[in-house]
């Protein structure tokens, strides 16, 4: 029991009750393993969803930049027109 106390607040009660009742600790380890797999799977889904959203935003921004580059700017007054090359 002394080892559990030295680990700090995160490991204090992880298997204390099972140990005190004489239950096998292996079952607890298997449950922690399954929970870990589920959490990893959920994190992967969240990461993929966020990535998909960000990539869609980037693609939309790139399309907008390409569209703006294709459209020539129209000068409305003589002051906005570029000077001729020979001048």
Foldseek 3Di string as FASTA:
>chain_A
DVVLVVVPDPRNVQCVVCVVVVHDCVVSVVVVVVVVVVVVVVVVVVVVVVVVVVVVVVVVVVVVVVVVVPDDDDDDDPVPDDDDPVD
